[in-house]
Amino acid sequence: MSALQPVTPPAAASGWGERWARQVDRWMTSPALGQWAGRSVFTRWLVKRRSRQLFDLMAGFVHSQVLLGCVRLQLFERLAERPHTLDEMAQRDRIPPAHLQRLLDSAVALQLLEQRGPGRYGLGPLGAPLAVHAGIRDMVEHNATLYRDLHDPLALLRDPDGAQMHAWWPYTDHQDGRSQAPAPANQFARYSALMASSQRFVIDEMLAGHDFSRHRKVLDVGGGLGGWVCALARRHPALALMHMDLPPVSQLARQRIADQGLSARIECHPGSFLHDPLPPGADLITLVRVAHDHPDAAVRRLLRAIHDALPVGGELLLAEPMAEVEGQPATPDPYFHFYLLAMGSGRLRSPAELMQLMTEAGFDQVRRLPGHQPVHAALLMGQKTRCLPLSTGASVNKE
């Protein structure tokens, strides 16, 4: 870890806006004004709401652990079949009933479960998606590692290389400036399987957000186990498709594609998109949950390589979680900021930042596509309208 550099304090802001903000700070931290606001009929609703929000922040870790406990007991799958009594679950899970009831009643308070009579529990409105989607349950279990790394958030900020989440991230030897030995094949398989199980929502967003029928051939770069290209092949039978990822992942994807009877439709190209040429011939290239895993320099090189690989008129579709969706800081932002830090690479970017990177790479008409659930992924589209002079090594995507 490099030595910390001294930070020059920014110049003090001035003007009426800053003076007003400071006055608001004084009001909000005034004990006397706080007591008055709590009693006033005009403001006490706001005081109560903010008190509840603050308590939810403080209790958030407990809430996540209640969710993890329910997932590990497979409560959502079991209760999707039929409601169960407290005694039934206590006997099956070998937990004293009085102790298990604390978990169940906490899950009821979080709307994960519902009471269906005295001592009887069923699925709640937030538990139903967990019963249906294994990918959500897999991510809840995966997050247990992240929470161990976050037990001391300042230690993580000072030395992210010590995070246990690094064991999940098999691509470190392909990053800039890395010299570690290649990750074992089972590490690629474990991480790729996790990403595949949690990809369903992103796939739905992409299929709904763009008309793929107007394309001839699509290349998915960093395609993991091939879930996206397989879904695209089933939805659009006329499309030709290509998949590219590192050799250990490409081998796994090839087998999964064959198992689904799609080998004739999807070409697999093993290679590093940071160092190897991208396969030619696609008029659309997709980048799904890839950019946020990499630093800016790598993203710039990748986007330029994609631009070079496309014909004039070809397009790039980028899909991933983004910061400040709709111009406002989004609720998922803190999660992704720390998740990517613990993973050891990349960062969460805003749509504006990604659009700027795409523009710098040569793409024109860069725009947001409509989406229903930006918490899963926001969509950006850019078009190649002209050829650019090849940058040094750009034709083979090498440093």
Protein backbone atom coordinates (compact mmCIF):
# COMPACT_ATOMS: atom_id res chain seq x y z
CA MET A 1 0.00 0.00 0.00
CA SER A 2 1.45 3.34 -1.01
CA ALA A 3 2.17 5.98 1.61
CA LEU A 4 -0.59 8.43 2.25
CA GLN A 5 -0.08 11.75 0.52
CA PRO A 6 -0.76 15.03 2.32
CA VAL A 7 -4.08 16.51 1.35
CA THR A 8 -4.34 20.21 0.66
CA PRO A 9 -7.53 21.57 2.24
CA PRO A 10 -9.92 23.09 -0.30
CA ALA A 11 -10.46 26.80 -0.34
CA ALA A 12 -13.36 27.89 1.81
CA ALA A 13 -16.58 28.35 -0.12
CA SER A 14 -18.15 31.76 -0.05
CA GLY A 15 -21.33 33.43 -1.14
CA TRP A 16 -24.91 33.50 0.05
CA GLY A 17 -25.44 29.81 -0.65
CA GLU A 18 -22.70 28.74 1.74
CA ARG A 19 -23.81 31.26 4.39
CA TRP A 20 -27.37 29.92 4.18
CA ALA A 21 -26.14 26.30 4.46
CA ARG A 22 -24.17 27.16 7.59
CA GLN A 23 -27.20 28.84 9.13
CA VAL A 24 -29.29 25.74 8.41
CA ASP A 25 -26.59 23.63 10.10
CA ARG A 26 -26.85 25.80 13.21
CA TRP A 27 -30.62 25.46 13.28
CA MET A 28 -30.54 21.69 12.81
CA THR A 29 -28.01 21.22 15.62
CA SER A 30 -29.71 23.56 18.09
CA PRO A 31 -31.11 21.58 21.07
CA ALA A 32 -33.68 24.30 21.82
CA LEU A 33 -34.95 24.39 18.24
CA GLY A 34 -35.05 20.59 18.18
CA GLN A 35 -37.28 20.51 21.27
CA TRP A 36 -39.58 23.11 19.77
CA ALA A 37 -39.80 21.23 16.44
CA GLY A 38 -40.70 18.03 18.29
CA ARG A 39 -43.66 19.76 19.98
CA SER A 40 -44.94 21.87 17.10
CA VAL A 41 -47.89 20.48 15.16
CA PHE A 42 -46.28 21.82 12.00
CA THR A 43 -42.89 20.09 12.35
CA ARG A 44 -43.21 17.13 14.70
CA TRP A 45 -44.06 14.79 11.80
CA LEU A 46 -40.68 15.64 10.26
CA VAL A 47 -38.86 15.09 13.55
CA LYS A 48 -40.51 11.68 13.95
CA ARG A 49 -39.67 10.68 10.38
CA ARG A 50 -36.02 11.66 10.71
CA SER A 51 -35.74 9.94 14.07
CA ARG A 52 -37.04 6.76 12.48
CA GLN A 53 -34.65 7.10 9.54
CA LEU A 54 -31.72 7.58 11.89
CA PHE A 55 -32.74 4.56 13.97
CA ASP A 56 -33.03 2.46 10.81
CA LEU A 57 -29.47 3.46 9.89
CA MET A 58 -28.22 2.46 13.32
CA ALA A 59 -30.12 -0.84 13.25
CA GLY A 60 -29.35 -1.64 9.61
CA PHE A 61 -26.74 -4.29 10.40
CA VAL A 62 -29.19 -6.14 12.65
CA HIS A 63 -31.78 -6.01 9.86
CA SER A 64 -29.31 -7.54 7.42
CA GLN A 65 -28.47 -10.29 9.89
CA VAL A 66 -32.16 -11.10 10.38
CA LEU A 67 -32.36 -11.49 6.61
CA LEU A 68 -29.25 -13.69 6.57
CA GLY A 69 -30.66 -15.89 9.34
CA CYS A 70 -33.88 -16.42 7.40
CA VAL A 71 -31.93 -17.27 4.24
CA ARG A 72 -29.71 -19.78 6.02
CA LEU A 73 -32.75 -21.49 7.54
CA GLN A 74 -34.38 -21.61 4.07
CA LEU A 75 -37.49 -20.03 5.58
CA PHE A 76 -38.60 -18.30 2.39
CA GLU A 77 -38.59 -21.46 0.29
CA ARG A 78 -40.36 -23.48 2.97
CA LEU A 79 -43.00 -20.85 3.70
CA ALA A 80 -43.69 -20.47 -0.02
CA GLU A 81 -45.02 -24.05 0.09
CA ARG A 82 -47.26 -23.46 3.12
CA PRO A 83 -47.30 -21.48 6.39
CA HIS A 84 -45.54 -23.12 9.35
CA THR A 85 -45.97 -22.90 13.09
CA LEU A 86 -43.26 -21.76 15.44
CA ASP A 87 -43.01 -25.22 16.96
CA GLU A 88 -42.63 -26.87 13.54
CA MET A 89 -39.76 -24.61 12.59
CA ALA A 90 -38.09 -24.80 16.01
CA GLN A 91 -38.11 -28.60 15.90
CA ARG A 92 -36.79 -28.78 12.34
CA ASP A 93 -34.05 -26.19 12.88
CA ARG A 94 -33.11 -27.33 16.41
CA ILE A 95 -33.46 -23.82 17.86
CA PRO A 96 -35.32 -23.19 21.14
CA PRO A 97 -38.79 -21.82 20.29
CA ALA A 98 -38.38 -18.70 22.43
CA HIS A 99 -35.13 -17.86 20.63
CA LEU A 100 -36.43 -18.60 17.14
CA GLN A 101 -39.47 -16.44 17.80
CA ARG A 102 -37.18 -13.42 18.14
CA LEU A 103 -35.92 -14.03 14.61
CA LEU A 104 -39.41 -14.65 13.21
CA ASP A 105 -40.97 -11.60 14.88
CA SER A 106 -38.06 -9.46 13.69
CA ALA A 107 -38.66 -10.74 10.16
CA VAL A 108 -42.34 -9.83 10.52
CA ALA A 109 -41.36 -6.28 11.53
CA LEU A 110 -39.21 -6.07 8.38
CA GLN A 111 -42.08 -7.40 6.22
CA LEU A 112 -40.09 -10.48 5.31
CA LEU A 113 -42.68 -12.69 7.02
CA GLU A 114 -46.30 -12.34 8.11
CA GLN A 115 -48.16 -13.78 11.07
CA ARG A 116 -50.99 -16.03 9.95
CA GLY A 117 -52.55 -16.56 13.35
CA PRO A 118 -51.07 -17.25 16.82
CA GLY A 119 -47.63 -18.84 16.46
CA ARG A 120 -48.05 -19.35 12.70
CA TYR A 121 -46.00 -17.65 9.99
CA GLY A 122 -46.15 -17.17 6.23
CA LEU A 123 -44.36 -15.13 3.58
CA GLY A 124 -44.39 -11.34 3.83
CA PRO A 125 -44.35 -8.94 0.86
CA LEU A 126 -40.55 -8.59 0.96
CA GLY A 127 -40.02 -12.30 1.54
CA ALA A 128 -41.86 -13.38 -1.60
CA PRO A 129 -39.11 -12.25 -4.03
CA LEU A 130 -36.55 -14.07 -1.90
CA ALA A 131 -38.57 -17.27 -2.19
CA VAL A 132 -38.68 -17.00 -5.98
CA HIS A 133 -35.21 -15.70 -6.87
CA ALA A 134 -32.24 -17.79 -5.81
CA GLY A 135 -29.93 -15.02 -7.01
CA ILE A 136 -31.09 -12.69 -4.23
CA ARG A 137 -30.54 -15.39 -1.62
CA ASP A 138 -27.07 -16.08 -3.03
CA MET A 139 -26.14 -12.40 -2.75
CA VAL A 140 -27.42 -12.23 0.84
CA GLU A 141 -25.14 -15.14 1.72
CA HIS A 142 -22.27 -13.59 -0.24
CA ASN A 143 -22.70 -10.32 1.65
CA ALA A 144 -21.81 -12.07 4.90
CA THR A 145 -18.18 -11.86 3.76
CA LEU A 146 -18.55 -8.15 3.00
CA TYR A 147 -19.99 -7.51 6.45
CA ARG A 148 -17.00 -9.21 8.06
CA ASP A 149 -14.75 -6.83 6.16
CA LEU A 150 -16.91 -3.91 7.30
CA HIS A 151 -16.70 -4.75 11.00
CA ASP A 152 -14.07 -1.98 11.08
CA PRO A 153 -14.89 0.38 8.20
CA LEU A 154 -11.90 2.64 8.89
CA ALA A 155 -9.52 -0.33 8.68
CA LEU A 156 -11.04 -1.24 5.32
CA LEU A 157 -10.64 2.32 4.05
CA ARG A 158 -7.00 2.42 5.16
CA ASP A 159 -6.06 -1.01 3.83
CA PRO A 160 -8.61 -2.47 1.38
CA ASP A 161 -6.04 -5.07 0.27
CA GLY A 162 -6.66 -6.90 3.55
CA ALA A 163 -10.34 -7.54 2.78
CA GLN A 164 -11.61 -11.12 2.80
CA MET A 165 -13.73 -10.27 -0.25
CA HIS A 166 -10.52 -10.46 -2.30
CA ALA A 167 -10.89 -14.23 -2.16
CA TRP A 168 -14.03 -13.89 -4.29
CA TRP A 169 -12.41 -11.73 -6.97
CA PRO A 170 -10.37 -13.88 -9.41
CA TYR A 171 -9.31 -11.17 -11.86
CA THR A 172 -6.56 -9.40 -9.92
CA ASP A 173 -3.75 -10.76 -12.09
CA HIS A 174 -5.42 -9.18 -15.14
CA GLN A 175 -5.58 -5.67 -13.64
CA ASP A 176 -3.11 -2.88 -14.25
CA GLY A 177 0.02 -3.15 -12.20
CA ARG A 178 -0.81 -6.54 -10.71
CA SER A 179 1.65 -9.40 -10.60
CA GLN A 180 -0.12 -12.07 -8.58
CA ALA A 181 -0.26 -15.65 -9.76
CA PRO A 182 -3.38 -16.53 -11.76
CA ALA A 183 -6.40 -17.46 -9.66
CA PRO A 184 -7.34 -21.14 -9.49
CA ALA A 185 -10.09 -22.36 -11.79
CA ASN A 186 -12.50 -23.05 -8.92
CA GLN A 187 -12.30 -19.37 -7.92
CA PHE A 188 -13.41 -18.32 -11.39
CA ALA A 189 -16.21 -20.90 -11.25
CA ARG A 190 -17.46 -19.73 -7.84
CA TYR A 191 -17.49 -16.03 -8.71
CA SER A 192 -18.98 -16.58 -12.16
CA ALA A 193 -21.77 -18.73 -10.71
CA LEU A 194 -22.62 -16.01 -8.20
CA MET A 195 -22.75 -13.34 -10.90
CA ALA A 196 -24.89 -15.57 -13.12
CA SER A 197 -27.43 -16.27 -10.37
CA SER A 198 -27.83 -12.55 -9.63
CA GLN A 199 -28.02 -11.45 -13.27
CA ARG A 200 -31.68 -12.20 -13.99
CA PHE A 201 -32.93 -8.73 -13.08
CA VAL A 202 -30.28 -7.05 -15.23
CA ILE A 203 -31.22 -9.27 -18.17
CA ASP A 204 -34.87 -8.30 -17.81
CA GLU A 205 -33.92 -4.60 -17.76
CA MET A 206 -31.87 -4.94 -20.93
CA LEU A 207 -34.45 -6.94 -22.86
CA ALA A 208 -37.09 -4.35 -21.99
CA GLY A 209 -34.89 -1.31 -22.61
CA HIS A 210 -33.65 -1.90 -26.17
CA ASP A 211 -34.88 -3.38 -29.46
CA PHE A 212 -32.29 -6.05 -30.26
CA SER A 213 -34.13 -7.26 -33.35
CA ARG A 214 -32.58 -4.44 -35.41
CA HIS A 215 -29.09 -5.90 -34.92
CA ARG A 216 -27.34 -8.62 -36.88
CA LYS A 217 -24.58 -9.82 -34.54
CA VAL A 218 -23.98 -9.08 -30.84
CA LEU A 219 -20.75 -9.51 -28.88
CA ASP A 220 -20.93 -9.66 -25.07
CA VAL A 221 -17.58 -8.64 -23.56
CA GLY A 222 -16.81 -10.03 -20.09
CA GLY A 223 -19.85 -12.27 -20.44
CA GLY A 224 -19.30 -14.59 -17.46
CA LEU A 225 -21.13 -17.90 -17.77
CA GLY A 226 -23.12 -16.69 -20.77
CA GLY A 227 -26.45 -16.04 -19.11
CA TRP A 228 -27.03 -12.83 -21.06
CA VAL A 229 -26.17 -14.19 -24.52
CA CYS A 230 -28.28 -17.31 -23.87
CA ALA A 231 -31.27 -15.18 -22.89
CA LEU A 232 -30.74 -13.00 -25.94
CA ALA A 233 -30.51 -16.07 -28.19
CA ARG A 234 -33.82 -17.42 -26.90
CA ARG A 235 -35.59 -14.05 -27.23
CA HIS A 236 -34.23 -13.23 -30.72
CA PRO A 237 -33.69 -16.40 -32.79
CA ALA A 238 -32.32 -14.48 -35.80
CA LEU A 239 -29.39 -12.94 -33.90
CA ALA A 240 -25.85 -14.23 -34.24
CA LEU A 241 -24.01 -13.99 -30.93
CA MET A 242 -20.46 -13.96 -29.57
CA HIS A 243 -19.18 -14.27 -26.01
CA MET A 244 -15.78 -13.23 -24.66
CA ASP A 245 -14.22 -13.76 -21.25
CA LEU A 246 -11.01 -15.08 -19.72
CA PRO A 247 -10.12 -18.66 -20.74
CA PRO A 248 -11.23 -20.34 -17.47
CA VAL A 249 -14.59 -18.52 -17.61
CA SER A 250 -14.99 -19.05 -21.35
CA GLN A 251 -14.58 -22.79 -20.87
CA LEU A 252 -17.36 -22.82 -18.27
CA ALA A 253 -19.56 -20.65 -20.50
CA ARG A 254 -19.01 -22.91 -23.50
CA GLN A 255 -20.26 -25.90 -21.51
CA ARG A 256 -23.31 -24.04 -20.19
CA ILE A 257 -24.15 -22.81 -23.69
CA ALA A 258 -23.85 -26.37 -25.02
CA ASP A 259 -26.09 -27.68 -22.24
CA GLN A 260 -28.79 -25.27 -23.45
CA GLY A 261 -28.42 -26.39 -27.05
CA LEU A 262 -27.16 -22.99 -28.23
CA SER A 263 -23.63 -23.83 -29.40
CA ALA A 264 -24.58 -23.27 -33.04
CA ARG A 265 -25.82 -19.77 -32.23
CA ILE A 266 -23.12 -18.50 -29.86
CA GLU A 267 -19.38 -18.33 -30.57
CA CYS A 268 -17.10 -18.39 -27.52
CA HIS A 269 -13.85 -16.39 -27.69
CA PRO A 270 -11.46 -16.89 -24.75
CA GLY A 271 -9.25 -13.94 -23.94
CA SER A 272 -8.61 -10.88 -21.79
CA PHE A 273 -10.48 -7.83 -23.00
CA LEU A 274 -7.71 -5.69 -21.49
CA HIS A 275 -4.90 -7.35 -23.45
CA ASP A 276 -6.28 -9.40 -26.37
CA PRO A 277 -8.05 -8.34 -29.58
CA LEU A 278 -11.84 -8.24 -29.45
CA PRO A 279 -13.47 -10.57 -31.99
CA PRO A 280 -14.67 -8.59 -35.03
CA GLY A 281 -18.00 -8.68 -36.80
CA ALA A 282 -20.52 -7.42 -34.24
CA ASP A 283 -22.71 -4.41 -34.89
CA LEU A 284 -23.63 -4.24 -31.18
CA ILE A 285 -21.30 -4.86 -28.24
CA THR A 286 -22.72 -5.24 -24.73
CA LEU A 287 -20.86 -4.56 -21.50
CA VAL A 288 -22.86 -5.91 -18.56
CA ARG A 289 -21.67 -5.19 -15.01
CA VAL A 290 -18.05 -4.92 -16.18
CA ALA A 291 -16.98 -1.27 -16.10
CA HIS A 292 -17.61 -0.81 -12.37
CA ASP A 293 -15.16 -3.64 -11.64
CA HIS A 294 -12.23 -1.75 -13.15
CA PRO A 295 -10.28 1.50 -12.63
CA ASP A 296 -10.69 4.41 -15.00
CA ALA A 297 -7.55 3.64 -17.03
CA ALA A 298 -8.74 0.11 -17.77
CA VAL A 299 -12.25 1.30 -18.64
CA ARG A 300 -10.86 3.90 -21.03
CA ARG A 301 -8.75 1.28 -22.78
CA LEU A 302 -11.66 -1.14 -22.98
CA LEU A 303 -14.10 1.44 -24.34
CA ARG A 304 -11.60 2.53 -26.99
CA ALA A 305 -11.03 -1.13 -27.97
CA ILE A 306 -14.79 -1.60 -28.29
CA HIS A 307 -15.04 1.52 -30.44
CA ASP A 308 -12.23 0.26 -32.68
CA ALA A 309 -13.87 -3.19 -33.02
CA LEU A 310 -17.24 -1.81 -34.14
CA PRO A 311 -18.13 -0.82 -37.70
CA VAL A 312 -19.34 2.69 -38.42
CA GLY A 313 -22.96 2.71 -37.25
CA GLY A 314 -22.23 0.04 -34.62
CA GLU A 315 -23.36 0.57 -31.03
CA LEU A 316 -22.30 -0.09 -27.45
CA LEU A 317 -24.85 -0.95 -24.76
CA LEU A 318 -23.47 -0.58 -21.23
CA ALA A 319 -25.50 -1.87 -18.28
CA GLU A 320 -24.57 -1.74 -14.61
CA PRO A 321 -25.57 -0.15 -11.28
CA MET A 322 -24.74 3.54 -11.30
CA ALA A 323 -24.43 6.30 -8.73
CA GLU A 324 -26.72 9.31 -8.58
CA VAL A 325 -29.39 7.83 -10.83
CA GLU A 326 -31.89 10.51 -11.92
CA GLY A 327 -29.48 13.18 -10.65
CA GLN A 328 -29.85 12.27 -6.97
CA PRO A 329 -27.67 10.09 -4.71
CA ALA A 330 -29.33 6.68 -4.77
CA THR A 331 -30.03 4.43 -1.79
CA PRO A 332 -27.82 1.59 -3.13
CA ASP A 333 -24.80 3.89 -3.55
CA PRO A 334 -23.19 3.18 -0.13
CA TYR A 335 -23.48 -0.57 -0.71
CA PHE A 336 -21.73 -0.51 -4.09
CA HIS A 337 -19.08 1.99 -2.97
CA PHE A 338 -17.91 -0.35 -0.20
CA TYR A 339 -18.57 -3.60 -2.08
CA LEU A 340 -16.22 -2.58 -4.88
CA LEU A 341 -13.64 -1.29 -2.41
CA ALA A 342 -13.64 -4.63 -0.57
CA MET A 343 -13.48 -6.51 -3.89
CA GLY A 344 -10.27 -4.65 -4.58
CA SER A 345 -10.97 -3.00 -7.91
CA GLY A 346 -13.20 -0.53 -9.66
CA ARG A 347 -15.68 2.02 -8.39
CA LEU A 348 -19.29 3.07 -8.72
CA ARG A 349 -19.74 5.77 -11.35
CA SER A 350 -22.59 8.10 -12.18
CA PRO A 351 -24.30 8.00 -15.59
CA ALA A 352 -22.63 11.34 -16.38
CA GLU A 353 -19.15 9.93 -15.65
CA LEU A 354 -19.73 6.85 -17.79
CA MET A 355 -21.20 8.91 -20.62
CA GLN A 356 -18.11 11.11 -20.51
CA LEU A 357 -15.82 8.05 -20.71
CA MET A 358 -17.83 6.74 -23.67
CA THR A 359 -17.60 10.11 -25.41
CA GLU A 360 -13.83 10.24 -24.83
CA ALA A 361 -13.57 6.80 -26.45
CA GLY A 362 -15.19 8.18 -29.59
CA PHE A 363 -18.85 7.31 -29.17
CA ASP A 364 -21.50 9.80 -30.27
CA GLN A 365 -25.18 10.16 -29.42
CA VAL A 366 -24.47 8.74 -25.95
CA ARG A 367 -27.74 8.57 -24.06
CA ARG A 368 -29.68 6.95 -21.25
CA LEU A 369 -32.18 4.25 -22.15
CA PRO A 370 -35.43 3.90 -20.19
CA GLY A 371 -35.41 1.41 -17.35
CA HIS A 372 -37.78 0.18 -14.68
CA GLN A 373 -35.35 -0.79 -11.90
CA PRO A 374 -32.14 1.30 -11.97
CA VAL A 375 -31.13 -0.30 -8.66
CA HIS A 376 -30.29 -3.40 -10.71
CA ALA A 377 -28.78 -1.61 -13.70
CA ALA A 378 -29.04 1.63 -15.62
CA LEU A 379 -28.56 1.45 -19.39
CA LEU A 380 -26.36 3.66 -21.60
CA MET A 381 -26.15 3.50 -25.40
CA GLY A 382 -23.53 5.02 -27.64
CA GLN A 383 -22.96 4.86 -31.41
CA LYS A 384 -19.81 4.84 -33.51
CA THR A 385 -20.37 7.39 -36.24
CA ARG A 386 -16.79 7.74 -37.50
CA CYS A 387 -13.43 6.01 -37.37
CA LEU A 388 -10.76 7.48 -35.13
CA PRO A 389 -6.99 7.27 -35.57
CA LEU A 390 -5.77 4.11 -33.89
CA SER A 391 -4.19 4.80 -30.51
CA THR A 392 -0.92 3.08 -29.69
CA GLY A 393 -1.68 -0.61 -29.38
CA ALA A 394 -5.43 -0.03 -29.71
CA SER A 395 -5.78 -2.45 -32.60
CA VAL A 396 -4.77 -5.32 -30.32
CA ASN A 397 -6.02 -3.82 -27.06
CA LYS A 398 -2.63 -4.02 -25.40
CA GLU A 399 -0.89 -1.66 -23.08
